[in-house]
Amino acid sequence: MMQHPRIILLGLPGSGKGTQGALIAQTYGVPTFSSGEYFRNLRREGKLPAEVAAKINAGGLVSDEDVNIIVVESFLSTQEAQAGFVLDGYPRTVAQAAFLDEYLTKQNLSLTAAVYVDLQVETAFRRISGRRICPSDGSVYNVYYSQPEREGFCSLCGAPLIQREDDREESVRTRMSTYEAMTKTLTVYYGDQGKLITVDGASAPDVVFARIQKALDDPA
């Protein structure tokens, strides 16, 4: 088995890359870091750097430089990340990818692989926009794939199900368009380096992971 891999995950929201990241981290004994989740937590807790919060509140995008600094200071520079990691949601641009390469090179390290969980846009859209969550016990349902016993209510506790704002159709369509464009440029970037592993995200999670593990442990 490969020791201490350094992996980044690519894929649309709903592709299942978060699930695969957790499986990779558990199997290979490395920490995982979701930049999107980290930024959401910082914003919810009011802990974003003032200049970054100001940009977001003004409707702007966080710059590559700001993202790079936050990811390095909050995760990459920590002791737990030195022996390997799984990055989910970072890098999102080629500029960020180039920065990550340079950062690792300065430490005489290199990225092991970029795992691209490939999934058709419409399938990913249904996985996200169809999601319904129980606010009481956290159970997750989907109006297309795994409906509750009674429509609109949790099968376990009976509480009314909710749909997160980020999961509403208009929001999901916008996110999908943005991520699709970003993902394509990054797959080319890592493909040119010979580090891209592409797996079909439409398969069952254990099947997807088995393919990832085979590609990592037995590279062609």
Protein backbone atom coordinates (compact mmCIF):
# COMPACT_ATOMS: atom_id res chain seq x y z
CA MET A 1 0.00 0.00 0.00
CA MET A 2 1.19 3.48 -0.79
CA GLN A 3 2.57 5.39 2.19
CA HIS A 4 1.68 8.99 3.06
CA PRO A 5 0.08 10.09 -0.23
CA ARG A 6 -0.64 13.74 -0.99
CA ILE A 7 -3.93 13.83 -2.87
CA ILE A 8 -6.25 16.51 -4.20
CA LEU A 9 -9.85 15.79 -5.14
CA LEU A 10 -11.59 17.24 -8.18
CA GLY A 11 -15.24 16.97 -9.16
CA LEU A 12 -18.61 18.67 -9.26
CA PRO A 13 -20.66 19.25 -6.10
CA GLY A 14 -22.60 16.02 -5.65
CA SER A 15 -19.97 13.87 -7.37
CA GLY A 16 -19.14 12.14 -4.09
CA LYS A 17 -15.59 13.42 -3.77
CA GLY A 18 -16.14 14.20 -0.09
CA THR A 19 -17.04 10.57 0.58
CA GLN A 20 -14.00 9.39 -1.37
CA GLY A 21 -11.77 11.84 0.49
CA ALA A 22 -12.88 10.38 3.81
CA LEU A 23 -12.22 6.83 2.57
CA ILE A 24 -8.76 7.76 1.24
CA ALA A 25 -7.86 9.51 4.51
CA GLN A 26 -9.03 6.59 6.63
CA THR A 27 -7.32 3.94 4.50
CA TYR A 28 -3.97 5.68 4.15
CA GLY A 29 -3.90 7.32 7.57
CA VAL A 30 -3.65 10.93 6.40
CA PRO A 31 -5.71 13.99 7.38
CA THR A 32 -8.32 15.47 5.07
CA PHE A 33 -9.11 19.16 4.65
CA SER A 34 -12.21 20.61 2.97
CA SER A 35 -11.52 24.24 2.13
CA GLY A 36 -15.19 24.94 1.42
CA GLU A 37 -16.28 23.60 4.79
CA TYR A 38 -13.46 25.45 6.53
CA PHE A 39 -14.39 28.78 4.94
CA ARG A 40 -18.08 28.26 5.72
CA ASN A 41 -17.26 27.60 9.38
CA LEU A 42 -15.02 30.66 9.59
CA ARG A 43 -17.71 32.84 8.07
CA ARG A 44 -20.46 31.43 10.32
CA GLU A 45 -18.27 31.98 13.40
CA GLY A 46 -17.22 35.47 12.28
CA LYS A 47 -13.56 34.46 12.18
CA LEU A 48 -12.70 35.25 8.57
CA PRO A 49 -9.83 37.74 8.19
CA ALA A 50 -11.35 41.23 7.99
CA GLU A 51 -10.12 41.92 4.46
CA VAL A 52 -11.47 38.59 3.20
CA ALA A 53 -14.85 39.10 4.88
CA ALA A 54 -15.07 42.58 3.34
CA LYS A 55 -14.55 41.17 -0.16
CA ILE A 56 -17.22 38.52 0.32
CA ASN A 57 -19.70 40.98 1.83
CA ALA A 58 -19.15 43.29 -1.15
CA GLY A 59 -20.03 40.44 -3.49
CA GLY A 60 -16.48 39.87 -4.65
CA LEU A 61 -14.43 36.70 -4.89
CA VAL A 62 -11.68 35.77 -2.47
CA SER A 63 -8.37 36.18 -4.30
CA ASP A 64 -6.05 33.25 -5.02
CA GLU A 65 -3.47 34.87 -2.75
CA ASP A 66 -5.89 35.08 0.19
CA VAL A 67 -7.02 31.47 -0.30
CA ASN A 68 -3.44 30.22 -0.54
CA ILE A 69 -2.42 31.96 2.67
CA ILE A 70 -5.41 30.69 4.62
CA VAL A 71 -4.99 27.07 3.44
CA VAL A 72 -1.27 27.08 4.22
CA GLU A 73 -1.64 28.67 7.65
CA SER A 74 -4.69 26.65 8.69
CA PHE A 75 -3.68 23.24 7.35
CA LEU A 76 -0.67 22.67 5.08
CA SER A 77 1.83 24.06 7.56
CA THR A 78 0.50 21.97 10.45
CA GLN A 79 2.42 18.97 11.70
CA GLU A 80 -0.38 16.54 10.84
CA ALA A 81 -0.25 17.52 7.15
CA GLN A 82 3.49 17.01 6.78
CA ALA A 83 3.28 13.26 6.23
CA GLY A 84 0.47 13.35 3.66
CA PHE A 85 -3.02 14.75 3.14
CA VAL A 86 -6.23 14.82 1.16
CA LEU A 87 -7.36 18.24 -0.09
CA ASP A 88 -11.02 18.68 -1.06
CA GLY A 89 -11.96 21.97 -2.73
CA TYR A 90 -8.42 23.29 -3.06
CA PRO A 91 -6.91 24.18 -5.42
CA ARG A 92 -9.80 25.58 -7.46
CA THR A 93 -7.78 27.52 -10.04
CA VAL A 94 -4.62 26.85 -12.01
CA ALA A 95 -2.94 29.72 -10.14
CA GLN A 96 -3.70 27.98 -6.84
CA ALA A 97 -2.48 24.66 -8.25
CA ALA A 98 0.80 26.24 -9.33
CA PHE A 99 1.21 27.78 -5.86
CA LEU A 100 0.62 24.38 -4.23
CA ASP A 101 3.24 22.77 -6.47
CA GLU A 102 5.74 25.47 -5.59
CA TYR A 103 4.94 25.20 -1.88
CA LEU A 104 5.52 21.44 -1.88
CA THR A 105 8.68 21.69 -4.00
CA LYS A 106 10.23 24.04 -1.43
CA GLN A 107 9.78 21.25 1.11
CA ASN A 108 11.22 18.62 -1.26
CA LEU A 109 7.77 17.12 -1.62
CA SER A 110 5.37 16.65 -4.51
CA LEU A 111 1.71 15.91 -5.12
CA THR A 112 0.99 12.19 -5.47
CA ALA A 113 -2.16 12.43 -7.57
CA ALA A 114 -5.20 14.48 -8.50
CA VAL A 115 -8.29 12.28 -8.28
CA TYR A 116 -11.10 13.42 -10.55
CA VAL A 117 -14.50 11.95 -9.63
CA ASP A 118 -16.28 12.30 -12.96
CA LEU A 119 -20.07 12.64 -13.01
CA GLN A 120 -22.54 14.01 -15.53
CA VAL A 121 -23.79 17.48 -14.63
CA GLU A 122 -27.46 16.47 -14.57
CA THR A 123 -26.80 13.54 -12.24
CA ALA A 124 -24.81 15.75 -9.88
CA PHE A 125 -27.59 18.35 -10.07
CA ARG A 126 -30.22 15.80 -8.99
CA ARG A 127 -28.07 14.59 -6.10
CA ILE A 128 -27.78 18.14 -4.74
CA SER A 129 -31.09 19.82 -5.62
CA GLY A 130 -33.07 16.74 -4.56
CA ARG A 131 -31.46 16.61 -1.13
CA ARG A 132 -33.68 17.08 1.92
CA ILE A 133 -32.38 17.12 5.48
CA CYS A 134 -33.96 16.47 8.86
CA PRO A 135 -33.05 19.41 11.13
CA SER A 136 -33.65 17.24 14.19
CA ASP A 137 -31.52 14.11 13.68
CA GLY A 138 -29.52 15.01 10.54
CA SER A 139 -30.98 12.26 8.35
CA VAL A 140 -30.56 12.93 4.63
CA TYR A 141 -33.06 12.02 1.91
CA ASN A 142 -33.38 12.70 -1.80
CA VAL A 143 -36.61 13.30 -3.71
CA TYR A 144 -35.17 11.45 -6.73
CA TYR A 145 -33.29 8.54 -5.16
CA SER A 146 -34.11 7.94 -1.50
CA GLN A 147 -37.48 9.37 -0.53
CA PRO A 148 -38.77 9.27 3.07
CA GLU A 149 -41.67 6.99 3.95
CA ARG A 150 -43.94 10.05 4.14
CA GLU A 151 -43.23 12.86 1.68
CA GLY A 152 -41.66 15.87 3.36
CA PHE A 153 -41.14 14.24 6.76
CA CYS A 154 -38.28 12.34 8.37
CA SER A 155 -38.84 8.57 8.51
CA LEU A 156 -37.03 8.32 11.86
CA CYS A 157 -38.45 11.16 13.94
CA GLY A 158 -41.27 12.63 11.86
CA ALA A 159 -39.83 16.15 11.75
CA PRO A 160 -40.51 18.26 8.62
CA LEU A 161 -37.59 18.06 6.19
CA ILE A 162 -35.79 21.16 4.96
CA GLN A 163 -33.82 22.13 1.89
CA ARG A 164 -30.65 24.14 2.45
CA GLU A 165 -30.40 27.46 0.61
CA ASP A 166 -27.28 26.22 -1.23
CA ASP A 167 -29.26 23.21 -2.49
CA ARG A 168 -32.00 25.20 -4.25
CA GLU A 169 -32.12 24.74 -8.02
CA GLU A 170 -30.97 28.23 -9.07
CA SER A 171 -28.06 28.17 -6.64
CA VAL A 172 -27.05 24.66 -7.69
CA ARG A 173 -27.12 25.54 -11.41
CA THR A 174 -24.78 28.49 -10.77
CA ARG A 175 -22.40 26.39 -8.69
CA MET A 176 -22.36 23.60 -11.28
CA SER A 177 -21.47 26.00 -14.08
CA THR A 178 -18.64 27.55 -12.07
CA TYR A 179 -17.21 24.24 -10.87
CA GLU A 180 -17.44 22.63 -14.31
CA ALA A 181 -15.29 25.35 -15.88
CA MET A 182 -12.76 25.25 -13.05
CA THR A 183 -12.56 21.47 -13.01
CA LYS A 184 -11.86 21.25 -16.73
CA THR A 185 -8.85 23.56 -16.49
CA LEU A 186 -7.46 21.65 -13.52
CA THR A 187 -7.89 18.24 -15.15
CA VAL A 188 -5.83 19.54 -18.08
CA TYR A 189 -3.22 20.96 -15.71
CA TYR A 190 -2.75 17.71 -13.78
CA GLY A 191 -3.21 15.58 -16.87
CA ASP A 192 -0.23 17.32 -18.44
CA GLN A 193 1.76 16.39 -15.32
CA GLY A 194 0.74 12.76 -15.58
CA LYS A 195 -0.89 12.91 -12.14
CA LEU A 196 -4.58 12.72 -13.03
CA ILE A 197 -6.66 9.72 -11.93
CA THR A 198 -10.17 9.74 -13.38
CA VAL A 199 -12.93 7.52 -11.93
CA ASP A 200 -16.62 7.20 -12.74
CA GLY A 201 -18.57 8.83 -9.91
CA ALA A 202 -21.86 7.22 -10.98
CA SER A 203 -20.84 3.88 -9.46
CA ALA A 204 -21.43 2.87 -5.83
CA PRO A 205 -19.03 4.59 -3.37
CA ASP A 206 -17.17 1.35 -2.54
CA VAL A 207 -16.67 0.60 -6.22
CA VAL A 208 -15.36 4.12 -6.87
CA PHE A 209 -12.95 3.82 -3.96
CA ALA A 210 -11.69 0.42 -5.08
CA ARG A 211 -10.76 1.95 -8.44
CA ILE A 212 -9.00 4.88 -6.77
CA GLN A 213 -7.08 2.56 -4.46
CA LYS A 214 -5.98 0.35 -7.35
CA ALA A 215 -4.74 3.37 -9.31
CA LEU A 216 -2.80 4.65 -6.29
CA ASP A 217 -1.27 1.32 -5.26
CA ASP A 218 -0.69 -0.17 -8.70
CA PRO A 219 0.01 2.73 -11.10
CA ALA A 220 0.37 1.69 -14.71
